[in-house]
Amino acid sequence: MAKFDIGHILNLCWRVEASVKDSRIAEFVEFVKAEQNSYGLWEYLNHPQATRWLTFDLLHSLSKLETQEDWISLEPSTPFRSYPKKIKRF
């Protein structure tokens, strides 16, 4: 996974009314749920006191995402194509 905070991305997703039906968001949700421990918490080992707030924020974002249905990103993704190589004159 990349080095960015998926919790913030999930928060942004529900604020823009994104849907879990979008495959990219579904992957984020699946990853976040896989990181949940057996007690239902998401642990932050560097700062254990933040575990409760992290769990609250993630549960809040996940519950808001599940209620969203209408989202423009359900259109197929446009395949990436880089610019063609520039032909050198000399």
PDB file of N, CA and C in Angstrom:
ATOM      1  N   MET A   1       0.842  -1.184   0.000  1.00  0.00           N
ATOM      2  CA  MET A   1       0.000   0.000   0.000  1.00  0.00           C
ATOM      3  C   MET A   1       0.886   1.246   0.000  1.00  0.00           C
ATOM      4  N   ALA A   2       0.398   2.277  -0.533  1.00  0.00           N
ATOM      5  CA  ALA A   2       1.143   3.534  -0.592  1.00  0.00           C
ATOM      6  C   ALA A   2       1.218   4.178   0.788  1.00  0.00           C
ATOM      7  N   LYS A   3       2.090   5.156   0.918  1.00  0.00           N
ATOM      8  CA  LYS A   3       2.298   5.808   2.213  1.00  0.00           C
ATOM      9  C   LYS A   3       1.394   7.019   2.363  1.00  0.00           C
ATOM     10  N   PHE A   4       0.092   6.797   2.371  1.00  0.00           N
ATOM     11  CA  PHE A   4      -0.840   7.880   2.661  1.00  0.00           C
ATOM     12  C   PHE A   4      -1.922   7.331   3.572  1.00  0.00           C
ATOM     13  N   ASP A   5      -2.629   8.193   4.193  1.00  0.00           N
ATOM     14  CA  ASP A   5      -3.597   7.796   5.203  1.00  0.00           C
ATOM     15  C   ASP A   5      -4.931   7.446   4.554  1.00  0.00           C
ATOM     16  N   ILE A   6      -5.241   6.170   4.524  1.00  0.00           N
ATOM     17  CA  ILE A   6      -6.486   5.710   3.907  1.00  0.00           C
ATOM     18  C   ILE A   6      -7.691   6.185   4.718  1.00  0.00           C
ATOM     19  N   GLY A   7      -7.507   6.384   6.012  1.00  0.00           N
ATOM     20  CA  GLY A   7      -8.601   6.904   6.830  1.00  0.00           C
ATOM     21  C   GLY A   7      -9.066   8.270   6.355  1.00  0.00           C
ATOM     22  N   HIS A   8      -8.123   9.134   6.014  1.00  0.00           N
ATOM     23  CA  HIS A   8      -8.478  10.458   5.494  1.00  0.00           C
ATOM     24  C   HIS A   8      -9.143  10.356   4.130  1.00  0.00           C
ATOM     25  N   ILE A   9      -8.686   9.427   3.325  1.00  0.00           N
ATOM     26  CA  ILE A   9      -9.288   9.250   2.002  1.00  0.00           C
ATOM     27  C   ILE A   9     -10.723   8.753   2.134  1.00  0.00           C
ATOM     28  N   LEU A  10     -10.978   7.825   3.059  1.00  0.00           N
ATOM     29  CA  LEU A  10     -12.350   7.357   3.283  1.00  0.00           C
ATOM     30  C   LEU A  10     -13.235   8.490   3.787  1.00  0.00           C
ATOM     31  N   ASN A  11     -12.682   9.335   4.645  1.00  0.00           N
ATOM     32  CA  ASN A  11     -13.428  10.494   5.132  1.00  0.00           C
ATOM     33  C   ASN A  11     -13.790  11.415   3.973  1.00  0.00           C
ATOM     34  N   LEU A  12     -12.829  11.676   3.110  1.00  0.00           N
ATOM     35  CA  LEU A  12     -13.088  12.507   1.933  1.00  0.00           C
ATOM     36  C   LEU A  12     -14.126  11.854   1.017  1.00  0.00           C
ATOM     37  N   CYS A  13     -14.044  10.550   0.858  1.00  0.00           N
ATOM     38  CA  CYS A  13     -14.978   9.839  -0.028  1.00  0.00           C
ATOM     39  C   CYS A  13     -16.423  10.000   0.430  1.00  0.00           C
ATOM     40  N   TRP A  14     -16.688   9.877   1.715  1.00  0.00           N
ATOM     41  CA  TRP A  14     -18.085  10.015   2.128  1.00  0.00           C
ATOM     42  C   TRP A  14     -18.531  11.468   2.102  1.00  0.00           C
ATOM     43  N   ARG A  15     -17.589  12.397   2.254  1.00  0.00           N
ATOM     44  CA  ARG A  15     -17.964  13.811   2.184  1.00  0.00           C
ATOM     45  C   ARG A  15     -18.336  14.245   0.766  1.00  0.00           C
ATOM     46  N   VAL A  16     -17.736  13.608  -0.237  1.00  0.00           N
ATOM     47  CA  VAL A  16     -18.110  13.916  -1.621  1.00  0.00           C
ATOM     48  C   VAL A  16     -19.181  12.948  -2.126  1.00  0.00           C
ATOM     49  N   GLU A  17     -19.744  12.190  -1.208  1.00  0.00           N
ATOM     50  CA  GLU A  17     -20.841  11.252  -1.472  1.00  0.00           C
ATOM     51  C   GLU A  17     -20.447  10.152  -2.446  1.00  0.00           C
ATOM     52  N   ALA A  18     -19.243   9.617  -2.263  1.00  0.00           N
ATOM     53  CA  ALA A  18     -18.797   8.496  -3.084  1.00  0.00           C
ATOM     54  C   ALA A  18     -19.474   7.215  -2.614  1.00  0.00           C
ATOM     55  N   SER A  19     -19.493   6.231  -3.479  1.00  0.00           N
ATOM     56  CA  SER A  19     -20.173   4.978  -3.191  1.00  0.00           C
ATOM     57  C   SER A  19     -19.173   3.840  -3.044  1.00  0.00           C
ATOM     58  N   VAL A  20     -19.531   2.863  -2.228  1.00  0.00           N
ATOM     59  CA  VAL A  20     -18.700   1.677  -2.060  1.00  0.00           C
ATOM     60  C   VAL A  20     -18.768   0.808  -3.320  1.00  0.00           C
ATOM     61  N   LYS A  21     -19.717   1.081  -4.185  1.00  0.00           N
ATOM     62  CA  LYS A  21     -19.831   0.321  -5.431  1.00  0.00           C
ATOM     63  C   LYS A  21     -18.661   0.608  -6.372  1.00  0.00           C
ATOM     64  N   ASP A  22     -17.987   1.723  -6.175  1.00  0.00           N
ATOM     65  CA  ASP A  22     -16.791   2.031  -6.961  1.00  0.00           C
ATOM     66  C   ASP A  22     -15.692   1.061  -6.524  1.00  0.00           C
ATOM     67  N   SER A  23     -15.072   0.390  -7.470  1.00  0.00           N
ATOM     68  CA  SER A  23     -14.092  -0.652  -7.139  1.00  0.00           C
ATOM     69  C   SER A  23     -12.891  -0.104  -6.373  1.00  0.00           C
ATOM     70  N   ARG A  24     -12.482   1.128  -6.661  1.00  0.00           N
ATOM     71  CA  ARG A  24     -11.327   1.704  -5.967  1.00  0.00           C
ATOM     72  C   ARG A  24     -11.640   1.952  -4.499  1.00  0.00           C
ATOM     73  N   ILE A  25     -12.826   2.454  -4.229  1.00  0.00           N
ATOM     74  CA  ILE A  25     -13.223   2.706  -2.841  1.00  0.00           C
ATOM     75  C   ILE A  25     -13.473   1.386  -2.122  1.00  0.00           C
ATOM     76  N   ALA A  26     -14.027   0.415  -2.832  1.00  0.00           N
ATOM     77  CA  ALA A  26     -14.257  -0.903  -2.238  1.00  0.00           C
ATOM     78  C   ALA A  26     -12.941  -1.546  -1.806  1.00  0.00           C
ATOM     79  N   GLU A  27     -11.879  -1.333  -2.571  1.00  0.00           N
ATOM     80  CA  GLU A  27     -10.563  -1.851  -2.184  1.00  0.00           C
ATOM     81  C   GLU A  27     -10.071  -1.194  -0.899  1.00  0.00           C
ATOM     82  N   PHE A  28     -10.263   0.115  -0.771  1.00  0.00           N
ATOM     83  CA  PHE A  28      -9.882   0.806   0.464  1.00  0.00           C
ATOM     84  C   PHE A  28     -10.650   0.247   1.652  1.00  0.00           C
ATOM     85  N   VAL A  29     -11.952   0.080   1.488  1.00  0.00           N
ATOM     86  CA  VAL A  29     -12.793  -0.419   2.582  1.00  0.00           C
ATOM     87  C   VAL A  29     -12.366  -1.833   2.965  1.00  0.00           C
ATOM     88  N   GLU A  30     -12.101  -2.666   1.979  1.00  0.00           N
ATOM     89  CA  GLU A  30     -11.669  -4.040   2.246  1.00  0.00           C
ATOM     90  C   GLU A  30     -10.349  -4.054   3.007  1.00  0.00           C
ATOM     91  N   PHE A  31      -9.411  -3.196   2.606  1.00  0.00           N
ATOM     92  CA  PHE A  31      -8.121  -3.131   3.286  1.00  0.00           C
ATOM     93  C   PHE A  31      -8.281  -2.659   4.731  1.00  0.00           C
ATOM     94  N   VAL A  32      -9.084  -1.629   4.935  1.00  0.00           N
ATOM     95  CA  VAL A  32      -9.278  -1.091   6.284  1.00  0.00           C
ATOM     96  C   VAL A  32      -9.938  -2.129   7.186  1.00  0.00           C
ATOM     97  N   LYS A  33     -10.938  -2.833   6.667  1.00  0.00           N
ATOM     98  CA  LYS A  33     -11.606  -3.859   7.475  1.00  0.00           C
ATOM     99  C   LYS A  33     -10.675  -5.026   7.787  1.00  0.00           C
ATOM    100  N   ALA A  34      -9.727  -5.314   6.902  1.00  0.00           N
ATOM    101  CA  ALA A  34      -8.767  -6.391   7.146  1.00  0.00           C
ATOM    102  C   ALA A  34      -7.792  -6.026   8.268  1.00  0.00           C
ATOM    103  N   GLU A  35      -7.564  -4.738   8.481  1.00  0.00           N
ATOM    104  CA  GLU A  35      -6.640  -4.284   9.524  1.00  0.00           C
ATOM    105  C   GLU A  35      -7.279  -4.227  10.910  1.00  0.00           C
ATOM    106  N   GLN A  36      -8.573  -4.431  10.991  1.00  0.00           N
ATOM    107  CA  GLN A  36      -9.280  -4.383  12.281  1.00  0.00           C
ATOM    108  C   GLN A  36      -8.903  -5.620  13.092  1.00  0.00           C
ATOM    109  N   ASN A  37      -8.604  -5.436  14.380  1.00  0.00           N
ATOM    110  CA  ASN A  37      -8.206  -6.585  15.191  1.00  0.00           C
ATOM    111  C   ASN A  37      -9.424  -7.331  15.738  1.00  0.00           C
ATOM    112  N   SER A  38      -9.180  -8.368  16.510  1.00  0.00           N
ATOM    113  CA  SER A  38     -10.272  -9.229  16.991  1.00  0.00           C
ATOM    114  C   SER A  38     -11.200  -8.515  17.976  1.00  0.00           C
ATOM    115  N   TYR A  39     -10.753  -7.424  18.580  1.00  0.00           N
ATOM    116  CA  TYR A  39     -11.591  -6.662  19.503  1.00  0.00           C
ATOM    117  C   TYR A  39     -12.383  -5.564  18.800  1.00  0.00           C
ATOM    118  N   GLY A  40     -12.233  -5.457  17.495  1.00  0.00           N
ATOM    119  CA  GLY A  40     -12.956  -4.446  16.732  1.00  0.00           C
ATOM    120  C   GLY A  40     -12.263  -3.097  16.691  1.00  0.00           C
ATOM    121  N   LEU A  41     -10.996  -3.054  17.084  1.00  0.00           N
ATOM    122  CA  LEU A  41     -10.248  -1.795  17.107  1.00  0.00           C
ATOM    123  C   LEU A  41      -9.196  -1.777  16.007  1.00  0.00           C
ATOM    124  N   TRP A  42      -8.838  -0.584  15.601  1.00  0.00           N
ATOM    125  CA  TRP A  42      -7.701  -0.396  14.710  1.00  0.00           C
ATOM    126  C   TRP A  42      -6.592   0.174  15.577  1.00  0.00           C
ATOM    127  N   GLU A  43      -5.518  -0.575  15.734  1.00  0.00           N
ATOM    128  CA  GLU A  43      -4.443  -0.161  16.625  1.00  0.00           C
ATOM    129  C   GLU A  43      -3.444   0.733  15.905  1.00  0.00           C
ATOM    130  N   TYR A  44      -2.956   1.712  16.647  1.00  0.00           N
ATOM    131  CA  TYR A  44      -1.879   2.573  16.168  1.00  0.00           C
ATOM    132  C   TYR A  44      -0.740   2.396  17.157  1.00  0.00           C
ATOM    133  N   LEU A  45       0.223   1.551  16.784  1.00  0.00           N
ATOM    134  CA  LEU A  45       1.256   1.135  17.724  1.00  0.00           C
ATOM    135  C   LEU A  45       2.176   2.267  18.162  1.00  0.00           C
ATOM    136  N   ASN A  46       2.389   3.266  17.316  1.00  0.00           N
ATOM    137  CA  ASN A  46       3.262   4.383  17.703  1.00  0.00           C
ATOM    138  C   ASN A  46       2.652   5.223  18.817  1.00  0.00           C
ATOM    139  N   HIS A  47       1.325   5.357  18.817  1.00  0.00           N
ATOM    140  CA  HIS A  47       0.620   6.120  19.849  1.00  0.00           C
ATOM    141  C   HIS A  47      -0.628   5.339  20.257  1.00  0.00           C
ATOM    142  N   PRO A  48      -0.492   4.409  21.214  1.00  0.00           N
ATOM    143  CA  PRO A  48      -1.632   3.562  21.593  1.00  0.00           C
ATOM    144  C   PRO A  48      -2.836   4.346  22.114  1.00  0.00           C
ATOM    145  N   GLN A  49      -2.612   5.536  22.647  1.00  0.00           N
ATOM    146  CA  GLN A  49      -3.726   6.328  23.156  1.00  0.00           C
ATOM    147  C   GLN A  49      -4.629   6.833  22.031  1.00  0.00           C
ATOM    148  N   ALA A  50      -4.153   6.807  20.806  1.00  0.00           N
ATOM    149  CA  ALA A  50      -4.948   7.268  19.661  1.00  0.00           C
ATOM    150  C   ALA A  50      -5.822   6.161  19.072  1.00  0.00           C
ATOM    151  N   THR A  51      -5.705   4.948  19.579  1.00  0.00           N
ATOM    152  CA  THR A  51      -6.446   3.810  19.024  1.00  0.00           C
ATOM    153  C   THR A  51      -7.946   4.038  19.060  1.00  0.00           C
ATOM    154  N   ARG A  52      -8.459   4.569  20.169  1.00  0.00           N
ATOM    155  CA  ARG A  52      -9.919   4.784  20.275  1.00  0.00           C
ATOM    156  C   ARG A  52     -10.410   5.825  19.283  1.00  0.00           C
ATOM    157  N   TRP A  53      -9.649   6.912  19.116  1.00  0.00           N
ATOM    158  CA  TRP A  53     -10.072   7.948  18.166  1.00  0.00           C
ATOM    159  C   TRP A  53      -9.966   7.459  16.730  1.00  0.00           C
ATOM    160  N   LEU A  54      -8.940   6.698  16.454  1.00  0.00           N
ATOM    161  CA  LEU A  54      -8.785   6.118  15.123  1.00  0.00           C
ATOM    162  C   LEU A  54      -9.951   5.181  14.814  1.00  0.00           C
ATOM    163  N   THR A  55     -10.314   4.354  15.775  1.00  0.00           N
ATOM    164  CA  THR A  55     -11.442   3.439  15.594  1.00  0.00           C
ATOM    165  C   THR A  55     -12.735   4.212  15.389  1.00  0.00           C
ATOM    166  N   PHE A  56     -12.947   5.248  16.194  1.00  0.00           N
ATOM    167  CA  PHE A  56     -14.157   6.064  16.044  1.00  0.00           C
ATOM    168  C   PHE A  56     -14.229   6.690  14.656  1.00  0.00           C
ATOM    169  N   ASP A  57     -13.131   7.276  14.211  1.00  0.00           N
ATOM    170  CA  ASP A  57     -13.112   7.949  12.913  1.00  0.00           C
ATOM    171  C   ASP A  57     -13.339   6.965  11.768  1.00  0.00           C
ATOM    172  N   LEU A  58     -12.697   5.808  11.823  1.00  0.00           N
ATOM    173  CA  LEU A  58     -12.874   4.821  10.755  1.00  0.00           C
ATOM    174  C   LEU A  58     -14.289   4.253  10.738  1.00  0.00           C
ATOM    175  N   LEU A  59     -14.845   3.954  11.906  1.00  0.00           N
ATOM    176  CA  LEU A  59     -16.222   3.449  11.950  1.00  0.00           C
ATOM    177  C   LEU A  59     -17.210   4.490  11.439  1.00  0.00           C
ATOM    178  N   HIS A  60     -16.972   5.746  11.781  1.00  0.00           N
ATOM    179  CA  HIS A  60     -17.838   6.831  11.305  1.00  0.00           C
ATOM    180  C   HIS A  60     -17.770   6.945   9.783  1.00  0.00           C
ATOM    181  N   SER A  61     -16.571   6.917   9.232  1.00  0.00           N
ATOM    182  CA  SER A  61     -16.406   7.012   7.775  1.00  0.00           C
ATOM    183  C   SER A  61     -17.027   5.813   7.072  1.00  0.00           C
ATOM    184  N   LEU A  62     -16.817   4.619   7.613  1.00  0.00           N
ATOM    185  CA  LEU A  62     -17.378   3.414   6.986  1.00  0.00           C
ATOM    186  C   LEU A  62     -18.899   3.414   7.027  1.00  0.00           C
ATOM    187  N   SER A  63     -19.469   3.875   8.139  1.00  0.00           N
ATOM    188  CA  SER A  63     -20.938   3.898   8.224  1.00  0.00           C
ATOM    189  C   SER A  63     -21.530   4.923   7.267  1.00  0.00           C
ATOM    190  N   LYS A  64     -20.857   6.051   7.090  1.00  0.00           N
ATOM    191  CA  LYS A  64     -21.343   7.062   6.148  1.00  0.00           C
ATOM    192  C   LYS A  64     -21.205   6.582   4.703  1.00  0.00           C
ATOM    193  N   LEU A  65     -20.130   5.855   4.409  1.00  0.00           N
ATOM    194  CA  LEU A  65     -19.924   5.354   3.048  1.00  0.00           C
ATOM    195  C   LEU A  65     -21.001   4.353   2.646  1.00  0.00           C
ATOM    196  N   GLU A  66     -21.445   3.544   3.591  1.00  0.00           N
ATOM    197  CA  GLU A  66     -22.427   2.511   3.276  1.00  0.00           C
ATOM    198  C   GLU A  66     -23.790   3.090   2.959  1.00  0.00           C
ATOM    199  N   THR A  67     -24.053   4.332   3.356  1.00  0.00           N
ATOM    200  CA  THR A  67     -25.358   4.933   3.080  1.00  0.00           C
ATOM    201  C   THR A  67     -25.374   5.714   1.774  1.00  0.00           C
ATOM    202  N   GLN A  68     -24.207   5.935   1.168  1.00  0.00           N
ATOM    203  CA  GLN A  68     -24.131   6.698  -0.081  1.00  0.00           C
ATOM    204  C   GLN A  68     -24.423   5.783  -1.264  1.00  0.00           C
ATOM    205  N   GLU A  69     -25.175   6.273  -2.231  1.00  0.00           N
ATOM    206  CA  GLU A  69     -25.503   5.456  -3.397  1.00  0.00           C
ATOM    207  C   GLU A  69     -25.196   6.129  -4.727  1.00  0.00           C
ATOM    208  N   ASP A  70     -25.401   7.429  -4.849  1.00  0.00           N
ATOM    209  CA  ASP A  70     -25.273   8.100  -6.129  1.00  0.00           C
ATOM    210  C   ASP A  70     -23.866   8.671  -6.276  1.00  0.00           C
ATOM    211  N   TRP A  71     -23.147   8.209  -7.286  1.00  0.00           N
ATOM    212  CA  TRP A  71     -21.770   8.661  -7.434  1.00  0.00           C
ATOM    213  C   TRP A  71     -21.364   8.595  -8.890  1.00  0.00           C
ATOM    214  N   ILE A  72     -20.736   9.640  -9.349  1.00  0.00           N
ATOM    215  CA  ILE A  72     -20.357   9.745 -10.757  1.00  0.00           C
ATOM    216  C   ILE A  72     -19.192   8.826 -11.116  1.00  0.00           C
ATOM    217  N   SER A  73     -18.421   8.396 -10.146  1.00  0.00           N
ATOM    218  CA  SER A  73     -17.237   7.592 -10.457  1.00  0.00           C
ATOM    219  C   SER A  73     -17.582   6.170 -10.852  1.00  0.00           C
ATOM    220  N   LEU A  74     -18.850   5.842 -10.922  1.00  0.00           N
ATOM    221  CA  LEU A  74     -19.217   4.507 -11.366  1.00  0.00           C
ATOM    222  C   LEU A  74     -19.003   4.348 -12.868  1.00  0.00           C
ATOM    223  N   GLU A  75     -18.636   5.444 -13.530  1.00  0.00           N
ATOM    224  CA  GLU A  75     -18.270   5.347 -14.935  1.00  0.00           C
ATOM    225  C   GLU A  75     -16.948   4.586 -15.032  1.00  0.00           C
ATOM    226  N   PRO A  76     -16.732   3.883 -16.138  1.00  0.00           N
ATOM    227  CA  PRO A  76     -15.474   3.128 -16.256  1.00  0.00           C
ATOM    228  C   PRO A  76     -14.256   4.047 -16.213  1.00  0.00           C
ATOM    229  N   SER A  77     -13.198   3.546 -15.651  1.00  0.00           N
ATOM    230  CA  SER A  77     -11.956   4.321 -15.556  1.00  0.00           C
ATOM    231  C   SER A  77     -11.342   4.492 -16.936  1.00  0.00           C
ATOM    232  N   THR A  78     -10.787   5.657 -17.158  1.00  0.00           N
ATOM    233  CA  THR A  78     -10.105   5.924 -18.417  1.00  0.00           C
ATOM    234  C   THR A  78      -8.701   5.345 -18.333  1.00  0.00           C
ATOM    235  N   PRO A  79      -8.306   4.519 -19.294  1.00  0.00           N
ATOM    236  CA  PRO A  79      -6.957   3.944 -19.219  1.00  0.00           C
ATOM    237  C   PRO A  79      -5.897   5.023 -19.382  1.00  0.00           C
ATOM    238  N   PHE A  80      -4.834   4.882 -18.637  1.00  0.00           N
ATOM    239  CA  PHE A  80      -3.744   5.856 -18.678  1.00  0.00           C
ATOM    240  C   PHE A  80      -2.901   5.625 -19.923  1.00  0.00           C
ATOM    241  N   ARG A  81      -2.560   6.703 -20.585  1.00  0.00           N
ATOM    242  CA  ARG A  81      -1.665   6.637 -21.736  1.00  0.00           C
ATOM    243  C   ARG A  81      -0.734   7.834 -21.663  1.00  0.00           C
ATOM    244  N   SER A  82       0.547   7.570 -21.632  1.00  0.00           N
ATOM    245  CA  SER A  82       1.507   8.675 -21.518  1.00  0.00           C
ATOM    246  C   SER A  82       1.650   9.384 -22.858  1.00  0.00           C
ATOM    247  N   TYR A  83       2.221  10.581 -22.787  1.00  0.00           N
ATOM    248  CA  TYR A  83       2.471  11.331 -24.009  1.00  0.00           C
ATOM    249  C   TYR A  83       3.488  10.580 -24.866  1.00  0.00           C
ATOM    250  N   PRO A  84       3.372  10.675 -26.189  1.00  0.00           N
ATOM    251  CA  PRO A  84       4.370  10.000 -27.039  1.00  0.00           C
ATOM    252  C   PRO A  84       5.739  10.660 -26.885  1.00  0.00           C
ATOM    253  N   LYS A  85       6.750   9.893 -27.151  1.00  0.00           N
ATOM    254  CA  LYS A  85       8.120  10.413 -27.063  1.00  0.00           C
ATOM    255  C   LYS A  85       8.318  11.513 -28.097  1.00  0.00           C
ATOM    256  N   LYS A  86       9.002  12.554 -27.680  1.00  0.00           N
ATOM    257  CA  LYS A  86       9.265  13.673 -28.575  1.00  0.00           C
ATOM    258  C   LYS A  86      10.398  13.297 -29.533  1.00  0.00           C
ATOM    259  N   ILE A  87      10.160  13.507 -30.800  1.00  0.00           N
ATOM    260  CA  ILE A  87      11.172  13.180 -31.800  1.00  0.00           C
ATOM    261  C   ILE A  87      12.212  14.304 -31.830  1.00  0.00           C
ATOM    262  N   LYS A  88      13.463  13.935 -31.676  1.00  0.00           N
ATOM    263  CA  LYS A  88      14.546  14.920 -31.675  1.00  0.00           C
ATOM    264  C   LYS A  88      14.884  15.307 -33.106  1.00  0.00           C
ATOM    265  N   ARG A  89      15.101  16.575 -33.307  1.00  0.00           N
ATOM    266  CA  ARG A  89      15.428  17.069 -34.646  1.00  0.00           C
ATOM    267  C   ARG A  89      16.886  16.833 -35.002  1.00  0.00           C
ATOM    268  N   PHE A  90      17.776  16.860 -34.022  1.00  0.00           N
ATOM    269  CA  PHE A  90      19.199  16.716 -34.314  1.00  0.00           C
ATOM    270  C   PHE A  90      19.790  15.600 -33.511  1.00  0.00           C
TER     271      PHE A  90
END
